PDB file of N, CA and C in Angstrom:
ATOM      1  N   UNK A   1     -16.789  17.837 -18.235  1.00  0.00           N
ATOM      2  CA  UNK A   1     -15.963  16.205 -19.030  1.00  0.00           C
ATOM      3  C   UNK A   1     -16.144  15.929 -17.148  1.00  0.00           C
ATOM      4  N   UNK A   2     -16.440  14.532 -17.216  1.00  0.00           N
ATOM      5  CA  UNK A   2     -16.768  13.518 -16.208  1.00  0.00           C
ATOM      6  C   UNK A   2     -15.071  13.238 -15.439  1.00  0.00           C
ATOM      7  N   UNK A   3     -15.422  12.739 -13.945  1.00  0.00           N
ATOM      8  CA  UNK A   3     -14.311  12.682 -13.755  1.00  0.00           C
ATOM      9  C   UNK A   3     -13.467  11.637 -13.865  1.00  0.00           C
ATOM     10  N   UNK A   4     -14.276  10.053 -14.470  1.00  0.00           N
ATOM     11  CA  UNK A   4     -13.603   8.878 -15.081  1.00  0.00           C
ATOM     12  C   UNK A   4     -13.161   9.396 -16.759  1.00  0.00           C
ATOM     13  N   UNK A   5     -13.378  10.295 -17.423  1.00  0.00           N
ATOM     14  CA  UNK A   5     -13.271  10.584 -18.468  1.00  0.00           C
ATOM     15  C   UNK A   5     -13.578  11.507 -19.510  1.00  0.00           C
ATOM     16  N   UNK A   6     -13.694  11.628 -20.917  1.00  0.00           N
ATOM     17  CA  UNK A   6     -14.001  12.194 -21.936  1.00  0.00           C
ATOM     18  C   UNK A   6     -15.118  11.502 -22.020  1.00  0.00           C
ATOM     19  N   UNK A   7     -16.996  12.277 -22.072  1.00  0.00           N
ATOM     20  CA  UNK A   7     -18.082  11.673 -22.304  1.00  0.00           C
ATOM     21  C   UNK A   7     -17.873  11.575 -23.735  1.00  0.00           C
ATOM     22  N   UNK A   8     -18.528  10.171 -24.025  1.00  0.00           N
ATOM     23  CA  UNK A   8     -18.628   9.153 -25.462  1.00  0.00           C
ATOM     24  C   UNK A   8     -19.279   9.804 -26.420  1.00  0.00           C
ATOM     25  N   UNK A   9     -19.173  10.160 -27.452  1.00  0.00           N
ATOM     26  CA  UNK A   9     -20.253  10.314 -28.456  1.00  0.00           C
ATOM     27  C   UNK A   9     -21.098   9.562 -28.151  1.00  0.00           C
ATOM     28  N   UNK A  10     -22.530   9.720 -29.067  1.00  0.00           N
ATOM     29  CA  UNK A  10     -23.772   9.202 -28.955  1.00  0.00           C
ATOM     30  C   UNK A  10     -23.970   9.079 -30.232  1.00  0.00           C
ATOM     31  N   UNK A  11     -23.846   7.416 -30.356  1.00  0.00           N
ATOM     32  CA  UNK A  11     -24.309   6.806 -31.908  1.00  0.00           C
ATOM     33  C   UNK A  11     -24.807   7.412 -32.506  1.00  0.00           C
ATOM     34  N   UNK A  12     -26.289   7.645 -32.296  1.00  0.00           N
ATOM     35  CA  UNK A  12     -27.468   7.955 -33.217  1.00  0.00           C
ATOM     36  C   UNK A  12     -27.467   9.764 -33.861  1.00  0.00           C
ATOM     37  N   UNK A  13     -26.976  10.290 -32.638  1.00  0.00           N
ATOM     38  CA  UNK A  13     -26.700  12.021 -33.000  1.00  0.00           C
ATOM     39  C   UNK A  13     -25.495  11.865 -33.850  1.00  0.00           C
ATOM     40  N   UNK A  14     -24.385  11.316 -34.063  1.00  0.00           N
ATOM     41  CA  UNK A  14     -23.361  12.005 -34.724  1.00  0.00           C
ATOM     42  C   UNK A  14     -22.820  10.150 -35.406  1.00  0.00           C
ATOM     43  N   UNK A  15     -22.843   9.128 -36.065  1.00  0.00           N
ATOM     44  CA  UNK A  15     -22.387   7.719 -36.438  1.00  0.00           C
ATOM     45  C   UNK A  15     -21.295   7.960 -36.439  1.00  0.00           C
ATOM     46  N   UNK A  16     -20.390   8.378 -37.627  1.00  0.00           N
ATOM     47  CA  UNK A  16     -19.214   8.793 -38.014  1.00  0.00           C
ATOM     48  C   UNK A  16     -17.988   8.849 -36.717  1.00  0.00           C
ATOM     49  N   UNK A  17     -18.622  10.567 -35.916  1.00  0.00           N
ATOM     50  CA  UNK A  17     -17.724  10.604 -34.819  1.00  0.00           C
ATOM     51  C   UNK A  17     -18.296   9.316 -33.798  1.00  0.00           C
ATOM     52  N   UNK A  18     -18.806   9.004 -33.590  1.00  0.00           N
ATOM     53  CA  UNK A  18     -18.798   7.827 -32.693  1.00  0.00           C
ATOM     54  C   UNK A  18     -17.831   6.434 -32.791  1.00  0.00           C
ATOM     55  N   UNK A  19     -17.394   6.166 -34.304  1.00  0.00           N
ATOM     56  CA  UNK A  19     -17.218   5.213 -34.911  1.00  0.00           C
ATOM     57  C   UNK A  19     -15.801   5.203 -34.493  1.00  0.00           C
ATOM     58  N   UNK A  20     -15.183   6.846 -34.873  1.00  0.00           N
ATOM     59  CA  UNK A  20     -13.988   7.056 -35.103  1.00  0.00           C
ATOM     60  C   UNK A  20     -12.993   6.952 -33.475  1.00  0.00           C
ATOM     61  N   UNK A  21     -14.270   7.502 -32.343  1.00  0.00           N
ATOM     62  CA  UNK A  21     -14.065   7.167 -30.797  1.00  0.00           C
ATOM     63  C   UNK A  21     -14.068   5.828 -30.420  1.00  0.00           C
ATOM     64  N   UNK A  22     -14.577   4.697 -31.405  1.00  0.00           N
ATOM     65  CA  UNK A  22     -14.680   3.429 -30.533  1.00  0.00           C
ATOM     66  C   UNK A  22     -13.347   3.077 -30.757  1.00  0.00           C
ATOM     67  N   UNK A  23     -12.628   2.880 -31.502  1.00  0.00           N
ATOM     68  CA  UNK A  23     -11.913   2.702 -32.599  1.00  0.00           C
ATOM     69  C   UNK A  23     -10.711   3.380 -31.207  1.00  0.00           C
ATOM     70  N   UNK A  24     -10.491   4.430 -30.980  1.00  0.00           N
ATOM     71  CA  UNK A  24      -9.503   4.908 -30.777  1.00  0.00           C
ATOM     72  C   UNK A  24      -9.644   4.207 -28.969  1.00  0.00           C
ATOM     73  N   UNK A  25     -10.733   4.907 -28.376  1.00  0.00           N
ATOM     74  CA  UNK A  25     -10.822   4.492 -26.891  1.00  0.00           C
ATOM     75  C   UNK A  25     -11.450   2.698 -27.124  1.00  0.00           C
ATOM     76  N   UNK A  26     -11.946   2.121 -27.727  1.00  0.00           N
ATOM     77  CA  UNK A  26     -12.688   0.436 -27.211  1.00  0.00           C
ATOM     78  C   UNK A  26     -12.421   0.004 -28.330  1.00  0.00           C
ATOM     79  N   UNK A  27     -11.035  -0.478 -28.517  1.00  0.00           N
ATOM     80  CA  UNK A  27     -10.289  -1.174 -29.723  1.00  0.00           C
ATOM     81  C   UNK A  27     -10.784  -2.550 -29.978  1.00  0.00           C
ATOM     82  N   UNK A  28     -11.173  -2.895 -28.953  1.00  0.00           N
ATOM     83  CA  UNK A  28     -11.184  -4.140 -28.959  1.00  0.00           C
ATOM     84  C   UNK A  28     -12.702  -4.589 -29.523  1.00  0.00           C
ATOM     85  N   UNK A  29     -13.790  -3.542 -28.835  1.00  0.00           N
ATOM     86  CA  UNK A  29     -15.096  -4.049 -29.305  1.00  0.00           C
ATOM     87  C   UNK A  29     -15.003  -3.215 -30.394  1.00  0.00           C
ATOM     88  N   UNK A  30     -14.309  -2.433 -31.075  1.00  0.00           N
ATOM     89  CA  UNK A  30     -14.786  -2.007 -32.638  1.00  0.00           C
ATOM     90  C   UNK A  30     -14.208  -2.740 -33.122  1.00  0.00           C
ATOM     91  N   UNK A  31     -13.295  -3.703 -33.537  1.00  0.00           N
ATOM     92  CA  UNK A  31     -13.046  -4.531 -34.118  1.00  0.00           C
ATOM     93  C   UNK A  31     -13.802  -5.755 -34.278  1.00  0.00           C
ATOM     94  N   UNK A  32     -13.949  -6.338 -33.069  1.00  0.00           N
ATOM     95  CA  UNK A  32     -15.158  -7.260 -32.421  1.00  0.00           C
ATOM     96  C   UNK A  32     -16.348  -6.935 -32.878  1.00  0.00           C
ATOM     97  N   UNK A  33     -17.004  -5.771 -33.176  1.00  0.00           N
ATOM     98  CA  UNK A  33     -18.005  -5.743 -34.022  1.00  0.00           C
ATOM     99  C   UNK A  33     -17.596  -5.598 -35.734  1.00  0.00           C
ATOM    100  N   UNK A  34     -17.001  -5.152 -36.124  1.00  0.00           N
ATOM    101  CA  UNK A  34     -16.180  -5.311 -37.728  1.00  0.00           C
ATOM    102  C   UNK A  34     -15.742  -6.899 -38.105  1.00  0.00           C
ATOM    103  N   UNK A  35     -15.344  -7.603 -37.487  1.00  0.00           N
ATOM    104  CA  UNK A  35     -15.458  -9.433 -37.629  1.00  0.00           C
ATOM    105  C   UNK A  35     -15.927  -9.590 -37.479  1.00  0.00           C
ATOM    106  N   UNK A  36     -17.269  -9.881 -36.298  1.00  0.00           N
ATOM    107  CA  UNK A  36     -18.701 -10.258 -36.695  1.00  0.00           C
ATOM    108  C   UNK A  36     -19.566  -9.965 -37.417  1.00  0.00           C
ATOM    109  N   UNK A  37     -19.519  -8.263 -38.210  1.00  0.00           N
ATOM    110  CA  UNK A  37     -20.305  -8.528 -38.873  1.00  0.00           C
ATOM    111  C   UNK A  37     -20.063  -8.353 -40.503  1.00  0.00           C
ATOM    112  N   UNK A  38     -18.455  -8.949 -40.885  1.00  0.00           N
ATOM    113  CA  UNK A  38     -18.052  -9.560 -42.085  1.00  0.00           C
ATOM    114  C   UNK A  38     -18.611 -10.492 -42.413  1.00  0.00           C
ATOM    115  N   UNK A  39     -19.027 -11.396 -41.054  1.00  0.00           N
ATOM    116  CA  UNK A  39     -19.932 -12.761 -41.437  1.00  0.00           C
ATOM    117  C   UNK A  39     -20.780 -12.835 -42.172  1.00  0.00           C
ATOM    118  N   UNK A  40     -21.745 -12.504 -41.707  1.00  0.00           N
ATOM    119  CA  UNK A  40     -23.126 -12.176 -42.812  1.00  0.00           C
ATOM    120  C   UNK A  40     -22.874 -11.814 -44.047  1.00  0.00           C
ATOM    121  N   UNK A  41     -22.018 -10.492 -43.943  1.00  0.00           N
ATOM    122  CA  UNK A  41     -21.454 -10.331 -45.227  1.00  0.00           C
ATOM    123  C   UNK A  41     -20.982 -11.204 -46.306  1.00  0.00           C
ATOM    124  N   UNK A  42     -20.122 -11.794 -45.928  1.00  0.00           N
ATOM    125  CA  UNK A  42     -19.407 -13.017 -46.625  1.00  0.00           C
ATOM    126  C   UNK A  42     -20.518 -13.918 -47.012  1.00  0.00           C
ATOM    127  N   UNK A  43     -21.592 -14.385 -46.352  1.00  0.00           N
ATOM    128  CA  UNK A  43     -22.488 -15.310 -46.322  1.00  0.00           C
ATOM    129  C   UNK A  43     -23.124 -15.264 -47.362  1.00  0.00           C
ATOM    130  N   UNK A  44     -23.644 -13.760 -47.668  1.00  0.00           N
ATOM    131  CA  UNK A  44     -24.431 -13.243 -49.195  1.00  0.00           C
ATOM    132  C   UNK A  44     -23.443 -13.276 -50.149  1.00  0.00           C
ATOM    133  N   UNK A  45     -22.674 -12.655 -50.573  1.00  0.00           N
ATOM    134  CA  UNK A  45     -21.184 -12.363 -51.317  1.00  0.00           C
ATOM    135  C   UNK A  45     -20.713 -13.614 -51.825  1.00  0.00           C
ATOM    136  N   UNK A  46     -19.781 -14.392 -51.048  1.00  0.00           N
ATOM    137  CA  UNK A  46     -19.208 -15.346 -51.630  1.00  0.00           C
ATOM    138  C   UNK A  46     -19.718 -16.378 -52.435  1.00  0.00           C
ATOM    139  N   UNK A  47     -20.485 -16.978 -51.941  1.00  0.00           N
ATOM    140  CA  UNK A  47     -20.746 -17.789 -52.721  1.00  0.00           C
ATOM    141  C   UNK A  47     -21.286 -17.254 -54.198  1.00  0.00           C
ATOM    142  N   UNK A  48     -22.215 -16.519 -54.821  1.00  0.00           N
ATOM    143  CA  UNK A  48     -22.121 -16.001 -55.597  1.00  0.00           C
ATOM    144  C   UNK A  48     -20.555 -15.328 -56.753  1.00  0.00           C
ATOM    145  N   UNK A  49     -19.995 -15.008 -56.077  1.00  0.00           N
ATOM    146  CA  UNK A  49     -18.445 -15.117 -56.787  1.00  0.00           C
ATOM    147  C   UNK A  49     -18.198 -16.289 -56.527  1.00  0.00           C
ATOM    148  N   UNK A  50     -18.025 -17.235 -56.040  1.00  0.00           N
ATOM    149  CA  UNK A  50     -17.413 -18.282 -56.494  1.00  0.00           C
ATOM    150  C   UNK A  50     -17.555 -18.700 -57.989  1.00  0.00           C
ATOM    151  N   UNK A  51     -18.875 -19.175 -57.639  1.00  0.00           N
ATOM    152  CA  UNK A  51     -20.105 -19.411 -58.801  1.00  0.00           C
ATOM    153  C   UNK A  51     -19.401 -18.661 -60.103  1.00  0.00           C
ATOM    154  N   UNK A  52     -19.103 -17.075 -60.161  1.00  0.00           N
ATOM    155  CA  UNK A  52     -19.047 -16.488 -60.767  1.00  0.00           C
ATOM    156  C   UNK A  52     -17.598 -17.013 -61.431  1.00  0.00           C
ATOM    157  N   UNK A  53     -16.940 -17.285 -60.486  1.00  0.00           N
ATOM    158  CA  UNK A  53     -15.234 -17.243 -61.153  1.00  0.00           C
ATOM    159  C   UNK A  53     -15.211 -18.821 -61.743  1.00  0.00           C
ATOM    160  N   UNK A  54     -16.252 -19.915 -61.483  1.00  0.00           N
ATOM    161  CA  UNK A  54     -16.219 -21.142 -62.171  1.00  0.00           C
ATOM    162  C   UNK A  54     -16.344 -22.257 -60.844  1.00  0.00           C
ATOM    163  N   UNK A  55     -15.716 -22.241 -59.894  1.00  0.00           N
ATOM    164  CA  UNK A  55     -16.199 -22.883 -58.966  1.00  0.00           C
ATOM    165  C   UNK A  55     -17.028 -23.709 -59.349  1.00  0.00           C
ATOM    166  N   UNK A  56     -16.703 -24.813 -58.700  1.00  0.00           N
ATOM    167  CA  UNK A  56     -17.608 -25.972 -58.805  1.00  0.00           C
ATOM    168  C   UNK A  56     -17.661 -26.722 -57.414  1.00  0.00           C
ATOM    169  N   UNK A  57     -18.800 -27.130 -57.237  1.00  0.00           N
ATOM    170  CA  UNK A  57     -18.828 -27.872 -55.469  1.00  0.00           C
ATOM    171  C   UNK A  57     -18.428 -29.478 -55.929  1.00  0.00           C
ATOM    172  N   UNK A  58     -17.761 -29.746 -55.492  1.00  0.00           N
ATOM    173  CA  UNK A  58     -17.000 -31.582 -55.442  1.00  0.00           C
ATOM    174  C   UNK A  58     -18.321 -32.161 -54.918  1.00  0.00           C
ATOM    175  N   UNK A  59     -18.325 -33.431 -55.409  1.00  0.00           N
ATOM    176  CA  UNK A  59     -19.274 -34.718 -54.526  1.00  0.00           C
ATOM    177  C   UNK A  59     -18.675 -34.827 -53.658  1.00  0.00           C
ATOM    178  N   UNK A  60     -20.005 -34.926 -52.852  1.00  0.00           N
ATOM    179  CA  UNK A  60     -19.446 -35.320 -51.439  1.00  0.00           C
ATOM    180  C   UNK A  60     -18.894 -37.008 -51.012  1.00  0.00           C
ATOM    181  N   UNK A  61     -17.886 -36.564 -50.257  1.00  0.00           N
ATOM    182  CA  UNK A  61     -16.621 -38.611 -50.007  1.00  0.00           C
ATOM    183  C   UNK A  61     -17.777 -39.135 -49.396  1.00  0.00           C
ATOM    184  N   UNK A  62     -17.678 -40.282 -49.821  1.00  0.00           N
ATOM    185  CA  UNK A  62     -18.959 -41.729 -49.485  1.00  0.00           C
ATOM    186  C   UNK A  62     -18.200 -41.262 -48.270  1.00  0.00           C
ATOM    187  N   UNK A  63     -19.226 -41.171 -46.948  1.00  0.00           N
ATOM    188  CA  UNK A  63     -19.344 -41.621 -46.075  1.00  0.00           C
ATOM    189  C   UNK A  63     -18.941 -43.489 -45.650  1.00  0.00           C
ATOM    190  N   UNK A  64     -19.550 -44.450 -46.535  1.00  0.00           N
ATOM    191  CA  UNK A  64     -19.183 -45.913 -46.083  1.00  0.00           C
ATOM    192  C   UNK A  64     -18.827 -46.343 -47.536  1.00  0.00           C
ATOM    193  N   UNK A  65     -18.197 -47.428 -47.123  1.00  0.00           N
ATOM    194  CA  UNK A  65     -18.218 -48.614 -48.244  1.00  0.00           C
ATOM    195  C   UNK A  65     -19.020 -49.058 -49.069  1.00  0.00           C
ATOM    196  N   UNK A  66     -19.198 -48.913 -50.438  1.00  0.00           N
ATOM    197  CA  UNK A  66     -20.145 -49.776 -50.476  1.00  0.00           C
ATOM    198  C   UNK A  66     -20.258 -51.115 -50.862  1.00  0.00           C
ATOM    199  N   UNK A  67     -21.283 -51.508 -50.846  1.00  0.00           N
ATOM    200  CA  UNK A  67     -21.671 -53.075 -50.253  1.00  0.00           C
ATOM    201  C   UNK A  67     -22.049 -53.840 -52.062  1.00  0.00           C
ATOM    202  N   UNK A  68     -21.293 -54.590 -52.266  1.00  0.00           N
ATOM    203  CA  UNK A  68     -21.171 -55.091 -53.380  1.00  0.00           C
ATOM    204  C   UNK A  68     -22.941 -55.336 -53.986  1.00  0.00           C
ATOM    205  N   UNK A  69     -23.182 -56.008 -55.149  1.00  0.00           N
ATOM    206  CA  UNK A  69     -24.775 -56.167 -54.996  1.00  0.00           C
ATOM    207  C   UNK A  69     -25.026 -57.885 -55.520  1.00  0.00           C
ATOM    208  N   UNK A  70     -23.106 -58.397 -55.887  1.00  0.00           N
ATOM    209  CA  UNK A  70     -23.302 -59.751 -56.028  1.00  0.00           C
ATOM    210  C   UNK A  70     -23.426 -60.482 -54.931  1.00  0.00           C
ATOM    211  N   UNK A  71     -24.314 -61.403 -55.499  1.00  0.00           N
ATOM    212  CA  UNK A  71     -23.990 -62.892 -54.375  1.00  0.00           C
ATOM    213  C   UNK A  71     -22.376 -62.745 -53.281  1.00  0.00           C
ATOM    214  N   UNK A  72     -22.610 -63.208 -52.175  1.00  0.00           N
ATOM    215  CA  UNK A  72     -21.568 -63.797 -51.376  1.00  0.00           C
ATOM    216  C   UNK A  72     -20.959 -65.034 -51.673  1.00  0.00           C
ATOM    217  N   UNK A  73     -19.629 -65.131 -51.830  1.00  0.00           N
ATOM    218  CA  UNK A  73     -19.009 -66.203 -51.631  1.00  0.00           C
ATOM    219  C   UNK A  73     -19.186 -67.184 -50.065  1.00  0.00           C
ATOM    220  N   UNK A  74     -19.628 -68.133 -50.181  1.00  0.00           N
ATOM    221  CA  UNK A  74     -19.308 -69.217 -48.447  1.00  0.00           C
ATOM    222  C   UNK A  74     -18.019 -69.238 -48.599  1.00  0.00           C
ATOM    223  N   UNK A  75     -17.245 -69.196 -47.597  1.00  0.00           N
ATOM    224  CA  UNK A  75     -15.749 -69.570 -47.113  1.00  0.00           C
ATOM    225  C   UNK A  75     -15.916 -70.835 -46.991  1.00  0.00           C
ATOM    226  N   UNK A  76     -14.918 -71.668 -47.419  1.00  0.00           N
ATOM    227  CA  UNK A  76     -14.458 -73.169 -47.114  1.00  0.00           C
ATOM    228  C   UNK A  76     -13.226 -73.091 -46.436  1.00  0.00           C
ATOM    229  N   UNK A  77     -13.247 -74.042 -45.836  1.00  0.00           N
ATOM    230  CA  UNK A  77     -11.926 -74.292 -45.175  1.00  0.00           C
ATOM    231  C   UNK A  77     -10.729 -73.444 -43.955  1.00  0.00           C
ATOM    232  N   UNK A  78     -12.062 -72.501 -43.653  1.00  0.00           N
ATOM    233  CA  UNK A  78     -11.123 -71.567 -42.385  1.00  0.00           C
ATOM    234  C   UNK A  78     -11.652 -71.834 -40.837  1.00  0.00           C
ATOM    235  N   UNK A  79     -11.852 -73.292 -40.663  1.00  0.00           N
ATOM    236  CA  UNK A  79     -12.833 -73.722 -39.464  1.00  0.00           C
ATOM    237  C   UNK A  79     -13.802 -72.306 -39.040  1.00  0.00           C
ATOM    238  N   UNK A  80     -14.880 -71.421 -39.707  1.00  0.00           N
ATOM    239  CA  UNK A  80     -15.672 -71.298 -39.144  1.00  0.00           C
ATOM    240  C   UNK A  80     -16.672 -71.831 -37.932  1.00  0.00           C
ATOM    241  N   UNK A  81     -16.524 -73.087 -38.584  1.00  0.00           N
ATOM    242  CA  UNK A  81     -17.294 -73.763 -37.832  1.00  0.00           C
ATOM    243  C   UNK A  81     -16.948 -73.859 -36.482  1.00  0.00           C
ATOM    244  N   UNK A  82     -16.957 -73.441 -35.511  1.00  0.00           N
ATOM    245  CA  UNK A  82     -15.947 -73.011 -34.499  1.00  0.00           C
ATOM    246  C   UNK A  82     -17.623 -73.652 -32.792  1.00  0.00           C
ATOM    247  N   UNK A  83     -18.488 -74.143 -33.914  1.00  0.00           N
ATOM    248  CA  UNK A  83     -19.858 -74.558 -32.135  1.00  0.00           C
ATOM    249  C   UNK A  83     -19.495 -75.310 -31.964  1.00  0.00           C
ATOM    250  N   UNK A  84     -18.771 -76.680 -33.015  1.00  0.00           N
ATOM    251  CA  UNK A  84     -18.638 -78.228 -32.938  1.00  0.00           C
ATOM    252  C   UNK A  84     -17.597 -77.890 -32.168  1.00  0.00           C
ATOM    253  N   UNK A  85     -16.531 -77.555 -31.913  1.00  0.00           N
ATOM    254  CA  UNK A  85     -15.281 -77.686 -30.874  1.00  0.00           C
ATOM    255  C   UNK A  85     -15.915 -77.171 -29.633  1.00  0.00           C
ATOM    256  N   UNK A  86     -16.731 -76.792 -29.119  1.00  0.00           N
ATOM    257  CA  UNK A  86     -16.550 -76.363 -27.792  1.00  0.00           C
ATOM    258  C   UNK A  86     -17.334 -77.638 -26.956  1.00  0.00           C
TER     259      UNK A  86
END
């Protein structure tokens, strides 16, 4: 045993023993690896599961107001001609 505490088991020599040790001695590192590895797994498994359950992707929300195709009306009587009053 070293002066700093018990020696950590080597991962490649005994992975299950190392995982148990890491969960007990270094829980922040252990759980960050567990949660971080769940992301890529969910990236692969969630879309097929959603399709299997019948979820349909909604149409995208419009980002602009649609421009009308009809000709625009000319406004009159609203004092739009401001260049003459200067």
